[in-house]
Protein backbone atom coordinates (compact mmCIF):
# COMPACT_ATOMS: atom_id res chain seq x y z
CA MET A 1 3.78 40.46 -54.83
CA THR A 2 0.88 42.16 -53.68
CA LYS A 3 -2.20 41.09 -55.61
CA PRO A 4 -4.87 43.34 -57.16
CA ILE A 5 -7.75 43.94 -54.78
CA ASP A 6 -11.48 42.24 -55.42
CA VAL A 7 -13.78 44.94 -54.27
CA ARG A 8 -16.12 41.74 -54.02
CA LYS A 9 -13.95 40.03 -51.62
CA GLU A 10 -12.34 40.76 -48.04
CA ARG A 11 -9.69 43.34 -48.53
CA GLY A 12 -6.00 42.11 -47.82
CA ASP A 13 -3.35 43.34 -45.99
CA ALA A 14 -1.71 47.04 -46.84
CA MET A 15 1.08 48.12 -48.54
CA THR A 16 3.17 45.90 -46.67
CA LYS A 17 2.98 43.95 -43.51
CA ARG A 18 3.79 47.19 -41.62
CA ILE A 19 0.79 49.18 -42.93
CA ASP A 20 -1.97 49.19 -40.80
CA HIS A 21 -4.75 49.24 -42.95
CA THR A 22 -8.60 48.93 -41.60
CA GLN A 23 -10.83 46.15 -43.44
CA LEU A 24 -13.89 47.82 -45.04
CA GLY A 25 -16.32 45.48 -45.80
CA ARG A 26 -19.05 46.04 -48.67
CA ARG A 27 -21.59 48.03 -47.19
CA ALA A 28 -19.44 50.27 -45.04
CA PHE A 29 -18.05 51.45 -48.34
CA LEU A 30 -21.85 51.81 -49.78
CA ARG A 31 -22.66 53.71 -45.99
CA GLY A 32 -19.59 56.23 -46.78
CA ALA A 33 -20.16 56.90 -50.06
CA GLY A 34 -23.81 57.87 -49.19
CA ALA A 35 -22.74 60.03 -46.88
CA LEU A 36 -20.01 61.53 -48.96
CA ALA A 37 -23.06 62.34 -51.43
CA VAL A 38 -24.79 64.07 -48.70
CA SER A 39 -22.19 65.81 -47.23
CA GLY A 40 -20.91 67.39 -50.86
CA ALA A 41 -24.82 68.31 -51.05
CA ALA A 42 -24.72 69.92 -47.95
CA LEU A 43 -21.60 71.87 -48.77
CA GLY A 44 -23.32 73.31 -51.18
CA LEU A 45 -21.08 71.48 -54.08
CA GLY A 46 -22.72 72.84 -57.52
CA TYR A 47 -23.46 69.99 -60.18
CA GLU A 48 -25.75 71.96 -62.59
CA GLY A 49 -24.08 71.99 -66.06
CA VAL A 50 -21.63 69.50 -65.58
CA ALA A 51 -22.62 66.75 -68.60
CA PRO A 52 -22.30 70.37 -70.85
CA ARG A 53 -19.25 70.22 -70.17
CA ARG A 54 -17.88 67.33 -71.64
CA ALA A 55 -16.70 67.83 -75.21
CA ALA A 56 -18.89 66.22 -77.19
CA ALA A 57 -15.92 65.55 -80.40
CA ALA A 58 -14.36 62.60 -78.39
CA SER A 59 -13.31 61.21 -82.03
CA ALA A 60 -11.42 64.33 -82.49
CA GLY A 61 -9.10 63.65 -79.97
CA THR A 62 -10.66 65.49 -76.86
CA LEU A 63 -10.84 64.27 -72.98
CA THR A 64 -12.94 65.58 -70.34
CA VAL A 65 -10.88 65.13 -67.47
CA LEU A 66 -11.20 65.44 -63.50
CA MET A 67 -8.45 65.11 -61.61
CA GLY A 68 -6.23 66.65 -58.85
CA PRO A 69 -4.06 69.82 -60.17
CA SER A 70 -1.27 67.82 -58.89
CA ALA A 71 -1.74 65.54 -61.71
CA VAL A 72 -3.02 67.91 -64.71
CA ARG A 73 -0.13 70.48 -64.18
CA PRO A 74 0.30 72.67 -67.56
CA GLU A 75 3.76 71.23 -67.65
CA LEU A 76 2.52 67.67 -67.23
CA VAL A 77 -0.28 68.10 -69.88
CA ALA A 78 1.49 70.14 -72.53
CA PRO A 79 3.83 67.15 -73.52
CA PHE A 80 0.83 64.66 -73.81
CA GLU A 81 -1.23 67.02 -75.76
CA GLU A 82 1.65 67.65 -78.07
CA LYS A 83 3.24 64.27 -78.78
CA THR A 84 -0.55 62.69 -79.04
CA GLY A 85 -2.74 65.47 -80.52
CA ILE A 86 -5.91 64.86 -78.22
CA LYS A 87 -6.87 67.85 -76.16
CA LEU A 88 -7.34 67.68 -72.40
CA ASN A 89 -10.47 69.83 -70.90
CA ILE A 90 -9.58 70.00 -67.63
CA ALA A 91 -13.04 70.52 -65.24
CA PRO A 92 -12.67 72.11 -61.68
CA TYR A 93 -11.05 69.93 -58.84
CA VAL A 94 -12.28 70.48 -55.26
CA SER A 95 -11.67 67.06 -53.77
CA PRO A 96 -11.92 63.25 -53.35
CA THR A 97 -15.14 63.21 -51.97
CA ASP A 98 -16.09 65.60 -54.64
CA VAL A 99 -14.89 63.43 -57.44
CA VAL A 100 -17.53 60.54 -56.01
CA THR A 101 -20.12 62.78 -55.59
CA LYS A 102 -20.16 63.99 -59.24
CA LEU A 103 -19.87 60.34 -60.43
CA MET A 104 -22.90 59.36 -58.35
CA VAL A 105 -25.36 62.01 -59.41
CA PRO A 106 -27.54 61.37 -62.45
CA GLY A 107 -25.87 61.97 -65.61
CA GLY A 108 -22.21 61.78 -64.13
CA THR A 109 -21.20 58.55 -66.08
CA ARG A 110 -21.65 60.84 -69.20
CA ALA A 111 -20.12 63.85 -67.80
CA TYR A 112 -16.00 63.11 -67.84
CA ASP A 113 -14.05 60.56 -69.56
CA VAL A 114 -11.42 60.13 -66.97
CA MET A 115 -11.27 60.78 -63.10
CA GLY A 116 -9.16 60.41 -60.40
CA GLY A 117 -9.42 59.61 -56.46
CA LEU A 118 -8.21 58.24 -53.60
CA THR A 119 -7.67 54.31 -54.02
CA ASP A 120 -10.59 53.67 -50.55
CA PHE A 121 -12.80 56.25 -51.72
CA THR A 122 -13.26 54.82 -55.56
CA THR A 123 -14.32 51.43 -54.06
CA PRO A 124 -17.93 51.96 -53.99
CA LEU A 125 -17.89 53.45 -57.18
CA VAL A 126 -16.25 49.59 -58.53
CA GLU A 127 -19.02 47.86 -56.57
CA LYS A 128 -21.90 49.93 -58.06
CA GLY A 129 -21.08 49.54 -61.33
CA LEU A 130 -20.38 53.06 -62.36
CA LEU A 131 -16.87 52.41 -63.89
CA LEU A 132 -16.01 51.22 -67.36
CA PRO A 133 -13.38 47.80 -66.78
CA LEU A 134 -9.61 48.38 -67.82
CA ASP A 135 -8.30 46.62 -70.98
CA MET A 136 -4.69 46.62 -69.69
CA SER A 137 -2.93 45.18 -73.07
CA LYS A 138 -3.81 48.73 -74.14
CA ILE A 139 -2.28 49.99 -71.40
CA PRO A 140 1.09 48.80 -71.70
CA ASN A 141 3.21 50.61 -69.29
CA VAL A 142 1.20 48.93 -65.93
CA GLN A 143 4.50 46.45 -66.39
CA TYR A 144 6.22 48.74 -64.87
CA LEU A 145 3.85 49.62 -62.21
CA ASN A 146 5.53 49.40 -58.66
CA PRO A 147 4.64 45.97 -57.11
CA LEU A 148 3.75 47.73 -53.85
CA PHE A 149 0.65 49.33 -55.47
CA LYS A 150 -0.48 46.29 -57.30
CA GLN A 151 -3.18 46.38 -54.51
CA ASP A 152 -4.65 49.80 -55.72
CA ILE A 153 -5.83 48.03 -59.15
CA LEU A 154 -9.30 47.22 -57.77
CA THR A 155 -11.55 44.48 -59.64
CA ARG A 156 -14.74 43.37 -60.03
CA ASP A 157 -15.41 39.92 -60.98
CA GLY A 158 -11.50 39.29 -62.34
CA ARG A 159 -12.06 42.84 -64.24
CA PRO A 160 -9.52 45.75 -63.32
CA TYR A 161 -11.17 49.17 -63.09
CA THR A 162 -8.50 51.46 -61.33
CA LEU A 163 -4.88 52.48 -62.42
CA PRO A 164 -2.52 53.75 -59.46
CA PHE A 165 -0.06 56.21 -60.91
CA TYR A 166 0.91 58.82 -58.19
CA TRP A 167 1.21 58.25 -54.14
CA GLY A 168 2.10 60.50 -51.17
CA TYR A 169 1.77 61.05 -47.71
CA ASP A 170 0.44 63.38 -44.99
CA SER A 171 2.31 64.57 -41.90
CA VAL A 172 3.57 67.96 -39.68
CA LEU A 173 4.69 71.17 -41.26
CA PHE A 174 6.76 72.74 -38.90
CA ASN A 175 8.64 76.02 -38.69
CA THR A 176 12.28 74.50 -38.10
CA THR A 177 13.41 77.67 -36.15
CA LYS A 178 10.56 77.31 -33.73
CA ILE A 179 9.94 74.27 -33.39
CA PRO A 180 13.24 71.94 -32.92
CA GLU A 181 13.53 69.14 -35.00
CA ASN A 182 15.42 66.67 -32.79
CA ASP A 183 12.75 66.49 -30.24
CA PRO A 184 10.67 63.22 -30.19
CA VAL A 185 7.49 65.15 -29.69
CA THR A 186 8.12 67.22 -32.99
CA GLN A 187 8.52 63.73 -34.84
CA SER A 188 4.95 62.63 -33.69
CA TRP A 189 1.38 64.13 -34.49
CA GLY A 190 1.37 65.19 -30.75
CA VAL A 191 3.30 68.38 -31.71
CA LEU A 192 0.13 69.38 -32.64
CA PHE A 193 -1.21 69.00 -29.03
CA ASP A 194 1.84 70.46 -27.03
CA ASP A 195 0.67 72.95 -25.05
CA ARG A 196 4.59 74.55 -25.52
CA TYR A 197 3.13 75.58 -28.86
CA LYS A 198 -0.10 77.02 -27.81
CA GLY A 199 -1.83 79.17 -30.14
CA LYS A 200 1.03 78.22 -32.57
CA VAL A 201 -0.56 75.29 -34.30
CA ALA A 202 -3.27 74.60 -36.65
CA LEU A 203 -5.17 71.38 -37.85
CA ARG A 204 -7.70 71.08 -40.71
CA ASP A 205 -11.29 71.89 -40.76
CA ASP A 206 -11.97 68.45 -41.70
CA ALA A 207 -13.74 65.80 -39.56
CA HIS A 208 -11.67 62.26 -41.54
CA GLN A 209 -8.34 63.75 -41.34
CA SER A 210 -8.25 65.70 -38.07
CA ILE A 211 -9.91 63.15 -35.87
CA LEU A 212 -7.80 60.29 -37.85
CA ILE A 213 -4.57 62.03 -36.88
CA THR A 214 -5.73 62.19 -33.26
CA ALA A 215 -6.60 59.02 -32.95
CA LEU A 216 -3.33 57.89 -34.13
CA HIS A 217 -1.47 59.71 -31.21
CA LEU A 218 -3.79 58.69 -28.82
CA GLY A 219 -2.37 54.93 -29.91
CA HIS A 220 -5.52 53.82 -31.58
CA ARG A 221 -4.57 50.27 -33.72
CA ASP A 222 -8.19 50.81 -35.44
CA PRO A 223 -8.86 54.54 -35.72
CA LEU A 224 -11.14 53.79 -39.19
CA GLY A 225 -13.14 51.09 -36.94
CA MET A 226 -14.02 53.31 -34.09
CA ASP A 227 -17.03 53.54 -32.69
CA ARG A 228 -18.81 55.92 -30.77
CA SER A 229 -17.22 55.48 -27.16
CA ASP A 230 -13.97 55.86 -29.37
CA LEU A 231 -15.32 58.91 -31.13
CA LYS A 232 -16.10 60.46 -27.39
CA GLU A 233 -12.52 59.78 -26.32
CA ILE A 234 -11.06 61.67 -29.12
CA ILE A 235 -13.73 64.80 -29.48
CA ARG A 236 -13.13 65.25 -25.42
CA PHE A 237 -9.50 65.08 -25.92
CA LEU A 238 -10.09 67.49 -29.03
CA ILE A 239 -11.76 69.96 -26.75
CA SER A 240 -9.26 69.75 -23.99
CA LYS A 241 -6.66 70.98 -26.60
CA LYS A 242 -8.91 73.41 -28.34
CA SER A 243 -7.55 76.77 -26.95
CA ASN A 244 -4.02 75.49 -28.64
CA PHE A 245 -5.41 75.79 -32.08
CA ARG A 246 -4.63 78.96 -34.03
CA ALA A 247 -6.91 77.99 -36.74
CA LEU A 248 -8.45 74.92 -38.54
CA TRP A 249 -7.94 75.71 -42.28
CA THR A 250 -9.90 74.98 -45.30
CA GLY A 251 -7.68 75.93 -48.14
CA PHE A 252 -4.28 75.31 -49.78
CA ALA A 253 -3.54 79.12 -50.17
CA GLN A 254 -4.88 79.65 -46.71
CA ALA A 255 -2.64 77.21 -44.80
CA VAL A 256 0.08 78.22 -46.72
CA ASN A 257 -0.10 81.94 -45.77
CA LEU A 258 -0.58 80.79 -42.20
CA MET A 259 2.68 79.30 -41.96
CA ALA A 260 4.48 81.79 -44.24
CA SER A 261 3.21 84.94 -41.97
CA GLY A 262 4.59 83.19 -38.55
CA GLU A 263 1.03 83.03 -37.34
CA VAL A 264 1.49 79.20 -36.73
CA TRP A 265 4.68 77.01 -36.31
CA ALA A 266 3.40 73.91 -37.45
CA MET A 267 0.06 72.32 -38.86
CA TYR A 268 -1.33 69.10 -40.32
CA GLY A 269 -0.21 69.87 -43.61
CA TRP A 270 0.28 68.26 -47.44
CA ILE A 271 3.98 67.68 -49.06
CA LEU A 272 2.93 70.10 -51.96
CA MET A 273 2.58 72.87 -49.22
CA ARG A 274 6.06 72.14 -48.01
CA THR A 275 7.12 72.26 -51.19
CA THR A 276 5.72 75.59 -51.66
CA LEU A 277 6.90 77.37 -48.70
CA GLN A 278 10.17 76.04 -49.17
CA ARG A 279 10.17 77.64 -52.67
CA GLN A 280 9.54 80.69 -50.98
CA GLY A 281 12.67 80.49 -48.72
CA GLN A 282 10.69 79.50 -45.63
CA PRO A 283 12.22 77.53 -43.01
CA VAL A 284 9.73 74.19 -43.07
CA ALA A 285 10.28 70.76 -43.19
CA ASN A 286 7.67 68.15 -42.56
CA ASN A 287 7.81 65.41 -39.95
CA TRP A 288 7.82 61.83 -39.42
CA PRO A 289 5.30 61.10 -37.43
CA LYS A 290 6.37 58.08 -35.04
CA ASP A 291 2.73 57.29 -34.29
CA GLY A 292 1.59 56.85 -38.06
CA VAL A 293 2.63 58.50 -41.47
CA ILE A 294 -0.42 58.89 -43.55
CA VAL A 295 -0.12 57.22 -46.53
CA TRP A 296 -2.06 57.33 -49.87
CA THR A 297 -2.38 56.51 -53.34
CA GLN A 298 -4.34 58.34 -56.44
CA VAL A 299 -6.12 56.15 -59.01
CA ALA A 300 -7.43 57.15 -62.33
CA PHE A 301 -10.66 55.45 -63.56
CA ALA A 302 -13.12 56.15 -66.29
CA PRO A 303 -16.53 56.36 -66.35
CA LYS A 304 -18.51 53.61 -67.86
CA ASP A 305 -20.34 55.89 -70.55
CA THR A 306 -17.26 57.43 -71.61
CA ALA A 307 -17.21 57.61 -75.83
CA ALA A 308 -13.31 58.16 -75.78
CA VAL A 309 -12.07 54.78 -74.86
CA PRO A 310 -9.12 54.78 -77.23
CA GLN A 311 -7.74 58.43 -75.96
CA VAL A 312 -8.82 57.06 -72.70
CA ASN A 313 -6.07 54.61 -72.61
CA VAL A 314 -3.59 56.51 -74.60
CA TRP A 315 -3.84 58.97 -71.42
CA LEU A 316 -3.84 56.29 -68.98
CA ASN A 317 -0.54 54.91 -70.36
CA TYR A 318 1.05 58.26 -70.04
CA LEU A 319 0.21 58.66 -66.72
CA LEU A 320 2.78 55.67 -65.75
CA THR A 321 5.64 56.71 -68.41
CA LYS A 322 9.16 57.83 -67.01
CA GLU A 323 8.39 61.07 -68.89
CA TYR A 324 5.47 62.14 -66.89
CA GLY A 325 6.40 60.37 -63.31
CA VAL A 326 9.75 62.25 -63.16
CA ALA A 327 7.82 65.92 -64.13
CA LEU A 328 5.32 64.88 -61.96
CA THR A 329 7.78 64.78 -58.86
CA LYS A 330 9.88 67.61 -60.04
CA VAL A 331 6.83 70.10 -60.76
CA ASN A 332 5.23 69.15 -57.32
CA GLY A 333 8.16 68.92 -55.62
CA GLY A 334 7.09 65.69 -53.72
CA ILE A 335 3.88 63.88 -55.51
CA LEU A 336 5.54 60.39 -55.96
CA SER A 337 4.67 58.38 -58.96
CA CYS A 338 3.74 54.38 -58.77
CA SER A 339 6.31 54.02 -61.67
CA ARG A 340 9.41 51.89 -61.03
CA LEU A 341 10.71 53.86 -64.21
CA VAL A 342 11.32 57.04 -62.14
CA GLU A 343 13.85 55.26 -59.90
CA THR A 344 16.71 55.74 -62.33
CA GLU A 345 16.02 59.39 -62.47
CA PHE A 346 16.64 60.64 -58.86
CA SER A 347 19.82 59.96 -56.50
CA LYS A 348 19.80 57.62 -53.44
CA ALA A 349 19.59 61.39 -51.43
CA GLU A 350 16.60 62.51 -53.74
CA MET A 351 14.87 59.78 -53.09
CA HIS A 352 15.15 59.65 -49.67
CA GLN A 353 14.30 63.29 -49.32
CA LEU A 354 11.41 63.16 -51.46
CA GLY A 355 10.14 59.56 -49.40
CA TYR A 356 10.16 57.41 -52.40
CA ASP A 357 12.22 55.27 -49.68
CA LEU A 358 9.48 55.88 -47.15
CA ASN A 359 8.63 52.05 -47.31
CA GLU A 360 11.91 51.27 -46.12
CA ARG A 361 12.18 53.21 -42.76
CA ARG A 362 10.57 51.05 -40.74
CA LEU A 363 7.90 53.59 -39.67
CA ASN A 364 4.11 53.28 -38.76
CA LEU A 365 2.23 53.66 -42.45
CA PHE A 366 -0.82 54.23 -42.08
CA ARG A 367 -3.07 54.10 -45.31
CA LEU A 368 -5.59 56.62 -45.79
CA GLY A 369 -9.13 55.16 -46.08
CA LEU A 370 -12.79 55.56 -45.38
CA PRO A 371 -14.16 55.79 -41.51
CA LYS A 372 -16.08 52.66 -41.04
CA HIS A 373 -18.93 55.29 -39.36
CA LEU A 374 -18.32 58.23 -41.26
CA ASP A 375 -21.75 59.87 -40.14
CA GLN A 376 -20.82 59.86 -36.43
CA TRP A 377 -17.09 61.54 -37.56
CA LEU A 378 -19.05 64.30 -38.89
CA GLU A 379 -21.13 64.61 -36.18
CA ALA A 380 -18.03 64.46 -33.75
CA TRP A 381 -16.21 66.77 -35.65
CA ALA A 382 -19.31 69.49 -35.44
CA GLU A 383 -19.64 68.88 -31.65
CA PHE A 384 -15.80 69.92 -31.22
CA LYS A 385 -16.15 73.17 -32.99
CA SER A 386 -19.28 74.09 -31.27
CA ALA A 387 -17.76 73.38 -28.15
């Protein structure tokens, strides 16, 4: 069984021994967090009026929540509000990096009651003392947490600060009528760089993920720890393939439209995009990259200055219920619960199709984390785009 991670100690292995997860130290995380804050400001992410958005009536049963849209869809929130009488005030969500930035700005720990983010992005928040320690006795459903995700309970001085509640994976989405599924190249990140599909593929306009998948394709064993010489190799390769890319997508709707219109046949994508396209009747599937499936975990946590601790505990406990977990997967079509309670609600075939058995497929699973030199990644991506 995997033990929780104490952020003051060296980090252990990833989801299983088959997952290659770069170990990042305290200084690396803090450098990454600082770079995220700078990049958030550079992108023009506004924070004015954040504190006033927080409902003052915590005692009346209101929680101000900043979590990914998949976690707070109306179909998921309504049953909770009806059963508990607690009203969720859903704040606008931008990205995991934006969550970090919003919490680190002045007044950020008073602006929200519950937040959500990727495990590795949350580590600097624990280290800087910005989060509230969790009383797991008030969150009894933690007993049903899949042991694979115990490591995502980040601790400091023996006290837990995060609760893993859903997970997923990123891969290539491709048009099955244009690209053969049984081609070995299709089942790798290489399909995005194959000259046969020149002008028909798209990457995400994101230094973090686009450089990462390129590094995995080129066989780097420690992509998150790459130095400048490694990054130069990556950028040279990307520049040599630049004419292959029809677009660099920046948002969910744009990415879905690129595939739905037939403008591109393959792209870096999210499972929710696959589901959306399939529900539209599009012939789209996701691949299982032999060079590394990107796996990530979302954790929930509370800023240290929340005044609604009892309500926070009720919401966190709800995130690991069977009701929430099953609805989470069904509504989002592929977002996976960290609770073992959902396992009895899906057939073996459904578990396979959804990816719940991903850890049993003998694939190279690569855990999404922060690069050791994020600033250098941002510089390298800017060089690629300007070439």
